[in-house]
PDB file of all heavy atoms in Angstrom:
ATOM      1  N   HIS A   1     -76.204  51.817 -98.020  1.00  0.00           N
ATOM      2  CA  HIS A   1     -76.035  50.929 -99.113  1.00  0.00           C
ATOM      3  C   HIS A   1     -76.956  49.733 -99.073  1.00  0.00           C
ATOM      4  O   HIS A   1     -77.039  49.014-100.076  1.00  0.00           O
ATOM      5  CB  HIS A   1     -74.488  50.371 -99.101  1.00  0.00           C
ATOM      6  CG  HIS A   1     -74.097  49.738 -97.738  1.00  0.00           C
ATOM      7  ND1 HIS A   1     -73.909  50.524 -96.635  1.00  0.00           N
ATOM      8  CD2 HIS A   1     -73.920  48.516 -97.363  1.00  0.00           C
ATOM      9  CE1 HIS A   1     -73.584  49.706 -95.609  1.00  0.00           C
ATOM     10  NE2 HIS A   1     -73.540  48.454 -96.089  1.00  0.00           N
ATOM     11  N   GLY A   2     -77.742  49.591 -97.985  1.00  0.00           N
ATOM     12  CA  GLY A   2     -78.646  48.608 -97.942  1.00  0.00           C
ATOM     13  C   GLY A   2     -80.050  48.943 -98.374  1.00  0.00           C
ATOM     14  O   GLY A   2     -81.032  48.362 -98.038  1.00  0.00           O
ATOM     15  N   CYS A   3     -80.125  49.978 -99.170  1.00  0.00           N
ATOM     16  CA  CYS A   3     -81.395  50.633 -99.599  1.00  0.00           C
ATOM     17  C   CYS A   3     -82.337  49.794-100.297  1.00  0.00           C
ATOM     18  O   CYS A   3     -83.493  50.074-100.363  1.00  0.00           O
ATOM     19  CB  CYS A   3     -81.118  52.022-100.237  1.00  0.00           C
ATOM     20  SG  CYS A   3     -80.226  51.690-101.830  1.00  0.00           S
ATOM     21  N   LEU A   4     -81.943  48.713-100.917  1.00  0.00           N
ATOM     22  CA  LEU A   4     -82.721  47.880-101.733  1.00  0.00           C
ATOM     23  C   LEU A   4     -83.979  47.390-100.868  1.00  0.00           C
ATOM     24  O   LEU A   4     -85.070  47.284-101.434  1.00  0.00           O
ATOM     25  CB  LEU A   4     -82.029  46.721-102.348  1.00  0.00           C
ATOM     26  CG  LEU A   4     -81.159  47.053-103.561  1.00  0.00           C
ATOM     27  CD1 LEU A   4     -80.321  45.843-103.942  1.00  0.00           C
ATOM     28  CD2 LEU A   4     -82.041  47.448-104.741  1.00  0.00           C
ATOM     29  N   GLY A   5     -83.721  47.062 -99.623  1.00  0.00           N
ATOM     30  CA  GLY A   5     -84.745  46.691 -98.763  1.00  0.00           C
ATOM     31  C   GLY A   5     -85.752  47.762 -98.447  1.00  0.00           C
ATOM     32  O   GLY A   5     -87.107  47.509 -98.530  1.00  0.00           O
ATOM     33  N   GLN A   6     -85.229  48.866 -98.185  1.00  0.00           N
ATOM     34  CA  GLN A   6     -86.169  50.107 -97.973  1.00  0.00           C
ATOM     35  C   GLN A   6     -86.944  50.482 -99.159  1.00  0.00           C
ATOM     36  O   GLN A   6     -88.163  50.662 -99.077  1.00  0.00           O
ATOM     37  CB  GLN A   6     -85.382  51.245 -97.450  1.00  0.00           C
ATOM     38  CG  GLN A   6     -86.260  52.372 -96.946  1.00  0.00           C
ATOM     39  CD  GLN A   6     -85.357  53.530 -96.328  1.00  0.00           C
ATOM     40  OE1 GLN A   6     -84.290  53.803 -96.814  1.00  0.00           O
ATOM     41  NE2 GLN A   6     -85.880  54.102 -95.253  1.00  0.00           N
ATOM     42  N   TYR A   7     -86.328  50.424-100.391  1.00  0.00           N
ATOM     43  CA  TYR A   7     -87.023  50.785-101.563  1.00  0.00           C
ATOM     44  C   TYR A   7     -88.101  49.756-101.837  1.00  0.00           C
ATOM     45  O   TYR A   7     -89.322  50.244-102.144  1.00  0.00           O
ATOM     46  CB  TYR A   7     -86.051  50.734-102.802  1.00  0.00           C
ATOM     47  CG  TYR A   7     -85.035  51.824-102.824  1.00  0.00           C
ATOM     48  CD1 TYR A   7     -83.906  51.625-103.617  1.00  0.00           C
ATOM     49  CD2 TYR A   7     -85.244  53.029-102.185  1.00  0.00           C
ATOM     50  CE1 TYR A   7     -83.016  52.663-103.643  1.00  0.00           C
ATOM     51  CE2 TYR A   7     -84.258  54.076-102.217  1.00  0.00           C
ATOM     52  CZ  TYR A   7     -83.200  53.826-103.049  1.00  0.00           C
ATOM     53  OH  TYR A   7     -82.217  54.916-103.164  1.00  0.00           O
ATOM     54  N   ALA A   8     -87.912  48.420-101.688  1.00  0.00           N
ATOM     55  CA  ALA A   8     -88.859  47.464-101.987  1.00  0.00           C
ATOM     56  C   ALA A   8     -90.109  47.569-101.032  1.00  0.00           C
ATOM     57  O   ALA A   8     -91.239  47.473-101.493  1.00  0.00           O
ATOM     58  CB  ALA A   8     -88.308  46.134-101.764  1.00  0.00           C
ATOM     59  N   ILE A   9     -89.861  47.991 -99.736  1.00  0.00           N
ATOM     60  CA  ILE A   9     -91.002  48.188 -98.808  1.00  0.00           C
ATOM     61  C   ILE A   9     -91.758  49.370 -99.116  1.00  0.00           C
ATOM     62  O   ILE A   9     -92.994  49.502 -99.104  1.00  0.00           O
ATOM     63  CB  ILE A   9     -90.389  48.233 -97.342  1.00  0.00           C
ATOM     64  CG1 ILE A   9     -90.022  46.835 -96.973  1.00  0.00           C
ATOM     65  CG2 ILE A   9     -91.453  48.731 -96.464  1.00  0.00           C
ATOM     66  CD1 ILE A   9     -89.248  46.779 -95.617  1.00  0.00           C
ATOM     67  N   LEU A  10     -91.068  50.484 -99.495  1.00  0.00           N
ATOM     68  CA  LEU A  10     -91.758  51.756 -99.870  1.00  0.00           C
ATOM     69  C   LEU A  10     -92.584  51.548-101.082  1.00  0.00           C
ATOM     70  O   LEU A  10     -93.699  52.173-101.130  1.00  0.00           O
ATOM     71  CB  LEU A  10     -90.716  52.873 -99.991  1.00  0.00           C
ATOM     72  CG  LEU A  10     -90.044  53.403 -98.758  1.00  0.00           C
ATOM     73  CD1 LEU A  10     -88.966  54.438 -99.157  1.00  0.00           C
ATOM     74  CD2 LEU A  10     -90.968  53.952 -97.768  1.00  0.00           C
ATOM     75  N   ALA A  11     -92.135  50.805-102.052  1.00  0.00           N
ATOM     76  CA  ALA A  11     -92.956  50.535-103.198  1.00  0.00           C
ATOM     77  C   ALA A  11     -94.143  49.783-102.873  1.00  0.00           C
ATOM     78  O   ALA A  11     -95.262  49.972-103.350  1.00  0.00           O
ATOM     79  CB  ALA A  11     -92.084  49.839-104.328  1.00  0.00           C
ATOM     80  N   ASP A  12     -93.966  48.741-101.949  1.00  0.00           N
ATOM     81  CA  ASP A  12     -95.076  47.850-101.562  1.00  0.00           C
ATOM     82  C   ASP A  12     -96.110  48.708-100.869  1.00  0.00           C
ATOM     83  O   ASP A  12     -97.367  48.297-100.827  1.00  0.00           O
ATOM     84  CB  ASP A  12     -94.514  46.735-100.634  1.00  0.00           C
ATOM     85  CG  ASP A  12     -95.528  45.661-100.394  1.00  0.00           C
ATOM     86  OD1 ASP A  12     -96.084  45.053-101.327  1.00  0.00           O
ATOM     87  OD2 ASP A  12     -95.813  45.426 -99.179  1.00  0.00           O
ATOM     88  N   LEU A  13     -95.762  49.685-100.128  1.00  0.00           N
ATOM     89  CA  LEU A  13     -96.659  50.563 -99.360  1.00  0.00           C
ATOM     90  C   LEU A  13     -97.170  51.729-100.104  1.00  0.00           C
ATOM     91  O   LEU A  13     -97.830  52.646 -99.654  1.00  0.00           O
ATOM     92  CB  LEU A  13     -95.887  51.049 -98.123  1.00  0.00           C
ATOM     93  CG  LEU A  13     -95.639  50.036 -97.012  1.00  0.00           C
ATOM     94  CD1 LEU A  13     -94.766  50.615 -95.846  1.00  0.00           C
ATOM     95  CD2 LEU A  13     -96.949  49.422 -96.389  1.00  0.00           C
ATOM     96  N   ASN A  14     -96.828  51.620-101.431  1.00  0.00           N
ATOM     97  CA  ASN A  14     -97.410  52.716-102.419  1.00  0.00           C
ATOM     98  C   ASN A  14     -96.825  54.081-102.161  1.00  0.00           C
ATOM     99  O   ASN A  14     -97.559  55.077-102.559  1.00  0.00           O
ATOM    100  CB  ASN A  14     -98.949  52.689-102.305  1.00  0.00           C
ATOM    101  CG  ASN A  14     -99.622  51.385-102.736  1.00  0.00           C
ATOM    102  OD1 ASN A  14     -99.139  50.793-103.729  1.00  0.00           O
ATOM    103  ND2 ASN A  14    -100.535  50.868-101.967  1.00  0.00           N
ATOM    104  N   PHE A  15     -95.686  54.195-101.731  1.00  0.00           N
ATOM    105  CA  PHE A  15     -94.979  55.547-101.670  1.00  0.00           C
ATOM    106  C   PHE A  15     -94.689  55.990-103.172  1.00  0.00           C
ATOM    107  O   PHE A  15     -94.622  57.141-103.418  1.00  0.00           O
ATOM    108  CB  PHE A  15     -93.800  55.513-100.840  1.00  0.00           C
ATOM    109  CG  PHE A  15     -94.069  55.608 -99.396  1.00  0.00           C
ATOM    110  CD1 PHE A  15     -94.410  54.536 -98.606  1.00  0.00           C
ATOM    111  CD2 PHE A  15     -94.115  56.916 -98.727  1.00  0.00           C
ATOM    112  CE1 PHE A  15     -94.641  54.737 -97.248  1.00  0.00           C
ATOM    113  CE2 PHE A  15     -94.291  57.029 -97.380  1.00  0.00           C
ATOM    114  CZ  PHE A  15     -94.625  55.900 -96.667  1.00  0.00           C
ATOM    115  N   PHE A  16     -94.374  54.903-103.959  1.00  0.00           N
ATOM    116  CA  PHE A  16     -94.056  55.245-105.386  1.00  0.00           C
ATOM    117  C   PHE A  16     -94.438  53.925-106.050  1.00  0.00           C
ATOM    118  O   PHE A  16     -94.623  52.931-105.523  1.00  0.00           O
ATOM    119  CB  PHE A  16     -92.701  55.670-105.615  1.00  0.00           C
ATOM    120  CG  PHE A  16     -91.626  54.705-105.044  1.00  0.00           C
ATOM    121  CD1 PHE A  16     -91.198  53.514-105.769  1.00  0.00           C
ATOM    122  CD2 PHE A  16     -91.001  55.147-103.967  1.00  0.00           C
ATOM    123  CE1 PHE A  16     -90.346  52.800-105.113  1.00  0.00           C
ATOM    124  CE2 PHE A  16     -89.992  54.293-103.399  1.00  0.00           C
ATOM    125  CZ  PHE A  16     -89.684  53.128-104.011  1.00  0.00           C
ATOM    126  N   PRO A  17     -94.748  53.936-107.459  1.00  0.00           N
ATOM    127  CA  PRO A  17     -95.070  52.806-108.320  1.00  0.00           C
ATOM    128  C   PRO A  17     -94.076  51.752-108.165  1.00  0.00           C
ATOM    129  O   PRO A  17     -92.804  51.979-108.291  1.00  0.00           O
ATOM    130  CB  PRO A  17     -95.207  53.323-109.697  1.00  0.00           C
ATOM    131  CG  PRO A  17     -95.339  54.824-109.599  1.00  0.00           C
ATOM    132  CD  PRO A  17     -94.636  55.196-108.272  1.00  0.00           C
ATOM    133  N   LYS A  18     -94.474  50.515-108.030  1.00  0.00           N
ATOM    134  CA  LYS A  18     -93.598  49.355-107.918  1.00  0.00           C
ATOM    135  C   LYS A  18     -92.669  49.146-109.176  1.00  0.00           C
ATOM    136  O   LYS A  18     -91.549  48.786-109.116  1.00  0.00           O
ATOM    137  CB  LYS A  18     -94.326  48.077-107.686  1.00  0.00           C
ATOM    138  CG  LYS A  18     -93.541  46.931-107.100  1.00  0.00           C
ATOM    139  CD  LYS A  18     -94.351  45.948-106.529  1.00  0.00           C
ATOM    140  CE  LYS A  18     -93.573  44.775-105.789  1.00  0.00           C
ATOM    141  NZ  LYS A  18     -94.327  43.816-105.185  1.00  0.00           N
ATOM    142  N   GLU A  19     -93.186  49.671-110.326  1.00  0.00           N
ATOM    143  CA  GLU A  19     -92.375  49.647-111.590  1.00  0.00           C
ATOM    144  C   GLU A  19     -91.085  50.345-111.467  1.00  0.00           C
ATOM    145  O   GLU A  19     -90.052  50.092-112.252  1.00  0.00           O
ATOM    146  CB  GLU A  19     -93.176  50.175-112.809  1.00  0.00           C
ATOM    147  CG  GLU A  19     -94.449  49.355-113.141  1.00  0.00           C
ATOM    148  CD  GLU A  19     -95.558  49.537-112.129  1.00  0.00           C
ATOM    149  OE1 GLU A  19     -95.524  50.568-111.579  1.00  0.00           O
ATOM    150  OE2 GLU A  19     -96.447  48.705-112.090  1.00  0.00           O
ATOM    151  N   GLU A  20     -91.037  51.361-110.568  1.00  0.00           N
ATOM    152  CA  GLU A  20     -89.895  52.141-110.358  1.00  0.00           C
ATOM    153  C   GLU A  20     -88.607  51.265-109.866  1.00  0.00           C
ATOM    154  O   GLU A  20     -87.536  51.681-110.184  1.00  0.00           O
ATOM    155  CB  GLU A  20     -90.090  53.317-109.281  1.00  0.00           C
ATOM    156  CG  GLU A  20     -89.119  54.381-109.235  1.00  0.00           C
ATOM    157  CD  GLU A  20     -89.058  55.187-110.544  1.00  0.00           C
ATOM    158  OE1 GLU A  20     -90.061  55.595-111.047  1.00  0.00           O
ATOM    159  OE2 GLU A  20     -88.034  55.448-110.997  1.00  0.00           O
ATOM    160  N   LEU A  21     -88.927  50.209-109.203  1.00  0.00           N
ATOM    161  CA  LEU A  21     -87.838  49.299-108.742  1.00  0.00           C
ATOM    162  C   LEU A  21     -87.007  48.807-109.890  1.00  0.00           C
ATOM    163  O   LEU A  21     -85.820  48.618-109.788  1.00  0.00           O
ATOM    164  CB  LEU A  21     -88.397  48.085-107.999  1.00  0.00           C
ATOM    165  CG  LEU A  21     -89.159  48.424-106.623  1.00  0.00           C
ATOM    166  CD1 LEU A  21     -89.724  47.156-106.072  1.00  0.00           C
ATOM    167  CD2 LEU A  21     -88.188  48.978-105.656  1.00  0.00           C
ATOM    168  N   LEU A  22     -87.684  48.519-110.913  1.00  0.00           N
ATOM    169  CA  LEU A  22     -86.932  48.035-112.237  1.00  0.00           C
ATOM    170  C   LEU A  22     -86.094  49.093-112.922  1.00  0.00           C
ATOM    171  O   LEU A  22     -85.354  48.799-113.851  1.00  0.00           O
ATOM    172  CB  LEU A  22     -87.881  47.343-113.238  1.00  0.00           C
ATOM    173  CG  LEU A  22     -88.719  46.223-112.597  1.00  0.00           C
ATOM    174  CD1 LEU A  22     -89.692  45.615-113.652  1.00  0.00           C
ATOM    175  CD2 LEU A  22     -87.754  45.156-112.025  1.00  0.00           C
ATOM    176  N   ARG A  23     -86.243  50.297-112.445  1.00  0.00           N
ATOM    177  CA  ARG A  23     -85.369  51.499-112.987  1.00  0.00           C
ATOM    178  C   ARG A  23     -84.254  51.849-111.938  1.00  0.00           C
ATOM    179  O   ARG A  23     -83.672  52.886-112.108  1.00  0.00           O
ATOM    180  CB  ARG A  23     -86.200  52.634-113.424  1.00  0.00           C
ATOM    181  CG  ARG A  23     -87.149  52.384-114.521  1.00  0.00           C
ATOM    182  CD  ARG A  23     -87.809  53.594-115.083  1.00  0.00           C
ATOM    183  NE  ARG A  23     -88.908  54.142-114.195  1.00  0.00           N
ATOM    184  CZ  ARG A  23     -90.234  53.712-114.211  1.00  0.00           C
ATOM    185  NH1 ARG A  23     -90.505  52.840-115.230  1.00  0.00           N
ATOM    186  NH2 ARG A  23     -91.113  54.166-113.394  1.00  0.00           N
ATOM    187  N   PHE A  24     -84.030  50.944-111.015  1.00  0.00           N
ATOM    188  CA  PHE A  24     -83.022  51.237-110.023  1.00  0.00           C
ATOM    189  C   PHE A  24     -81.696  51.501-110.562  1.00  0.00           C
ATOM    190  O   PHE A  24     -81.237  50.761-111.575  1.00  0.00           O
ATOM    191  CB  PHE A  24     -82.835  49.918-109.063  1.00  0.00           C
ATOM    192  CG  PHE A  24     -81.790  49.930-108.083  1.00  0.00           C
ATOM    193  CD1 PHE A  24     -81.704  50.871-107.109  1.00  0.00           C
ATOM    194  CD2 PHE A  24     -80.716  49.063-108.163  1.00  0.00           C
ATOM    195  CE1 PHE A  24     -80.626  50.889-106.176  1.00  0.00           C
ATOM    196  CE2 PHE A  24     -79.709  49.000-107.206  1.00  0.00           C
ATOM    197  CZ  PHE A  24     -79.739  49.997-106.201  1.00  0.00           C
ATOM    198  N   CYS A  25     -81.037  52.493-110.243  1.00  0.00           N
ATOM    199  CA  CYS A  25     -79.784  53.047-110.724  1.00  0.00           C
ATOM    200  C   CYS A  25     -79.715  53.320-112.169  1.00  0.00           C
ATOM    201  O   CYS A  25     -78.625  53.140-112.764  1.00  0.00           O
ATOM    202  CB  CYS A  25     -78.629  52.004-110.346  1.00  0.00           C
ATOM    203  SG  CYS A  25     -78.078  52.162-108.568  1.00  0.00           S
ATOM    204  N   SER A  26     -80.877  53.650-112.726  1.00  0.00           N
ATOM    205  CA  SER A  26     -80.870  53.996-114.184  1.00  0.00           C
ATOM    206  C   SER A  26     -81.149  55.499-114.378  1.00  0.00           C
ATOM    207  O   SER A  26     -81.616  56.135-113.337  1.00  0.00           O
ATOM    208  CB  SER A  26     -81.948  53.262-114.948  1.00  0.00           C
ATOM    209  OG  SER A  26     -83.223  53.759-114.607  1.00  0.00           O
ATOM    210  N   LYS A  27     -80.724  56.085-115.463  1.00  0.00           N
ATOM    211  CA  LYS A  27     -81.026  57.539-115.632  1.00  0.00           C
ATOM    212  C   LYS A  27     -82.472  57.944-115.703  1.00  0.00           C
ATOM    213  O   LYS A  27     -82.795  59.098-115.414  1.00  0.00           O
ATOM    214  CB  LYS A  27     -80.333  57.996-116.885  1.00  0.00           C
ATOM    215  CG  LYS A  27     -78.853  57.847-116.935  1.00  0.00           C
ATOM    216  CD  LYS A  27     -78.196  58.336-118.314  1.00  0.00           C
ATOM    217  CE  LYS A  27     -76.714  58.194-118.201  1.00  0.00           C
ATOM    218  NZ  LYS A  27     -76.112  58.693-119.553  1.00  0.00           N
ATOM    219  N   GLU A  28     -83.287  56.925-115.968  1.00  0.00           N
ATOM    220  CA  GLU A  28     -84.711  57.200-116.137  1.00  0.00           C
ATOM    221  C   GLU A  28     -85.491  57.067-114.807  1.00  0.00           C
ATOM    222  O   GLU A  28     -86.536  57.547-114.687  1.00  0.00           O
ATOM    223  CB  GLU A  28     -85.346  56.143-117.159  1.00  0.00           C
ATOM    224  CG  GLU A  28     -84.919  56.307-118.533  1.00  0.00           C
ATOM    225  CD  GLU A  28     -83.554  55.766-118.705  1.00  0.00           C
ATOM    226  OE1 GLU A  28     -83.085  54.780-117.816  1.00  0.00           O
ATOM    227  OE2 GLU A  28     -82.869  55.987-119.632  1.00  0.00           O
ATOM    228  N   GLY A  29     -84.839  56.489-113.751  1.00  0.00           N
ATOM    229  CA  GLY A  29     -85.469  56.290-112.478  1.00  0.00           C
ATOM    230  C   GLY A  29     -85.127  57.318-111.359  1.00  0.00           C
ATOM    231  O   GLY A  29     -84.164  58.131-111.584  1.00  0.00           O
ATOM    232  N   ILE A  30     -85.751  57.192-110.256  1.00  0.00           N
ATOM    233  CA  ILE A  30     -85.474  58.038-109.082  1.00  0.00           C
ATOM    234  C   ILE A  30     -84.701  57.299-108.017  1.00  0.00           C
ATOM    235  O   ILE A  30     -84.249  58.028-107.076  1.00  0.00           O
ATOM    236  CB  ILE A  30     -86.815  58.587-108.457  1.00  0.00           C
ATOM    237  CG1 ILE A  30     -87.660  57.475-108.078  1.00  0.00           C
ATOM    238  CG2 ILE A  30     -87.576  59.445-109.544  1.00  0.00           C
ATOM    239  CD1 ILE A  30     -88.887  57.837-107.187  1.00  0.00           C
ATOM    240  N   LEU A  31     -84.463  55.971-108.179  1.00  0.00           N
ATOM    241  CA  LEU A  31     -83.774  55.314-107.121  1.00  0.00           C
ATOM    242  C   LEU A  31     -82.324  55.119-107.343  1.00  0.00           C
ATOM    243  O   LEU A  31     -81.992  54.380-108.263  1.00  0.00           O
ATOM    244  CB  LEU A  31     -84.511  53.859-106.998  1.00  0.00           C
ATOM    245  CG  LEU A  31     -85.982  53.823-106.810  1.00  0.00           C
ATOM    246  CD1 LEU A  31     -86.556  52.396-106.699  1.00  0.00           C
ATOM    247  CD2 LEU A  31     -86.367  54.630-105.514  1.00  0.00           C
ATOM    248  N   GLY A  32     -81.455  55.724-106.520  1.00  0.00           N
ATOM    249  CA  GLY A  32     -80.071  55.657-106.690  1.00  0.00           C
ATOM    250  C   GLY A  32     -79.517  54.547-105.757  1.00  0.00           C
ATOM    251  O   GLY A  32     -80.210  53.821-105.034  1.00  0.00           O
ATOM    252  N   GLY A  33     -78.228  54.346-105.796  1.00  0.00           N
ATOM    253  CA  GLY A  33     -77.555  53.311-105.055  1.00  0.00           C
ATOM    254  C   GLY A  33     -77.534  53.558-103.611  1.00  0.00           C
ATOM    255  O   GLY A  33     -77.197  52.678-102.774  1.00  0.00           O
ATOM    256  N   HIS A  34     -77.811  54.829-103.147  1.00  0.00           N
ATOM    257  CA  HIS A  34     -77.995  55.116-101.729  1.00  0.00           C
ATOM    258  C   HIS A  34     -79.352  55.991-101.621  1.00  0.00           C
ATOM    259  O   HIS A  34     -79.639  56.617-102.643  1.00  0.00           O
ATOM    260  CB  HIS A  34     -76.828  55.914-101.200  1.00  0.00           C
ATOM    261  CG  HIS A  34     -75.550  55.093-101.081  1.00  0.00           C
ATOM    262  ND1 HIS A  34     -74.696  54.943-102.157  1.00  0.00           N
ATOM    263  CD2 HIS A  34     -75.013  54.495 -99.996  1.00  0.00           C
ATOM    264  CE1 HIS A  34     -73.659  54.131-101.697  1.00  0.00           C
ATOM    265  NE2 HIS A  34     -73.755  53.940-100.479  1.00  0.00           N
ATOM    266  N   PRO A  35     -79.926  55.973-100.499  1.00  0.00           N
ATOM    267  CA  PRO A  35     -81.205  56.751-100.375  1.00  0.00           C
ATOM    268  C   PRO A  35     -81.046  58.164-100.597  1.00  0.00           C
ATOM    269  O   PRO A  35     -80.108  58.757-100.164  1.00  0.00           O
ATOM    270  CB  PRO A  35     -81.542  56.465 -98.900  1.00  0.00           C
ATOM    271  CG  PRO A  35     -80.870  55.186 -98.471  1.00  0.00           C
ATOM    272  CD  PRO A  35     -79.586  55.268 -99.325  1.00  0.00           C
ATOM    273  N   SER A  36     -82.043  58.726-101.294  1.00  0.00           N
ATOM    274  CA  SER A  36     -82.032  60.184-101.602  1.00  0.00           C
ATOM    275  C   SER A  36     -83.325  60.800-101.144  1.00  0.00           C
ATOM    276  O   SER A  36     -84.370  60.219-101.344  1.00  0.00           O
ATOM    277  CB  SER A  36     -81.797  60.343-103.150  1.00  0.00           C
ATOM    278  OG  SER A  36     -82.063  61.790-103.393  1.00  0.00           O
ATOM    279  N   ARG A  37     -83.216  61.938-100.570  1.00  0.00           N
ATOM    280  CA  ARG A  37     -84.457  62.692-100.185  1.00  0.00           C
ATOM    281  C   ARG A  37     -85.417  62.963-101.190  1.00  0.00           C
ATOM    282  O   ARG A  37     -86.641  63.083-100.855  1.00  0.00           O
ATOM    283  CB  ARG A  37     -83.926  64.078 -99.522  1.00  0.00           C
ATOM    284  CG  ARG A  37     -85.149  64.800 -98.859  1.00  0.00           C
ATOM    285  CD  ARG A  37     -85.615  64.230 -97.609  1.00  0.00           C
ATOM    286  NE  ARG A  37     -86.684  64.998 -97.043  1.00  0.00           N
ATOM    287  CZ  ARG A  37     -87.911  65.089 -97.418  1.00  0.00           C
ATOM    288  NH1 ARG A  37     -88.318  64.332 -98.465  1.00  0.00           N
ATOM    289  NH2 ARG A  37     -88.834  65.823 -96.760  1.00  0.00           N
ATOM    290  N   LYS A  38     -85.107  62.787-102.498  1.00  0.00           N
ATOM    291  CA  LYS A  38     -86.117  63.074-103.553  1.00  0.00           C
ATOM    292  C   LYS A  38     -87.031  61.896-103.790  1.00  0.00           C
ATOM    293  O   LYS A  38     -87.975  61.966-104.416  1.00  0.00           O
ATOM    294  CB  LYS A  38     -85.326  63.345-104.800  1.00  0.00           C
ATOM    295  CG  LYS A  38     -84.626  62.038-105.520  1.00  0.00           C
ATOM    296  CD  LYS A  38     -83.847  62.464-106.773  1.00  0.00           C
ATOM    297  CE  LYS A  38     -83.170  61.200-107.263  1.00  0.00           C
ATOM    298  NZ  LYS A  38     -82.369  61.506-108.516  1.00  0.00           N
ATOM    299  N   VAL A  39     -86.776  60.799-103.086  1.00  0.00           N
ATOM    300  CA  VAL A  39     -87.520  59.550-103.169  1.00  0.00           C
ATOM    301  C   VAL A  39     -88.630  59.707-102.184  1.00  0.00           C
ATOM    302  O   VAL A  39     -88.395  59.881-100.932  1.00  0.00           O
ATOM    303  CB  VAL A  39     -86.645  58.260-102.978  1.00  0.00           C
ATOM    304  CG1 VAL A  39     -87.546  57.101-103.034  1.00  0.00           C
ATOM    305  CG2 VAL A  39     -85.580  58.252-104.042  1.00  0.00           C
TER     306      VAL A  39
END
């Protein structure tokens, strides 16, 4: 449930585009409320 920190770091390290953070928990994004192996 603390995944927001991990997501922000992974985006900063270019694992995925930083714009993806703004689609957190949306149908259009890949970032769910808990970490998923698809990320």
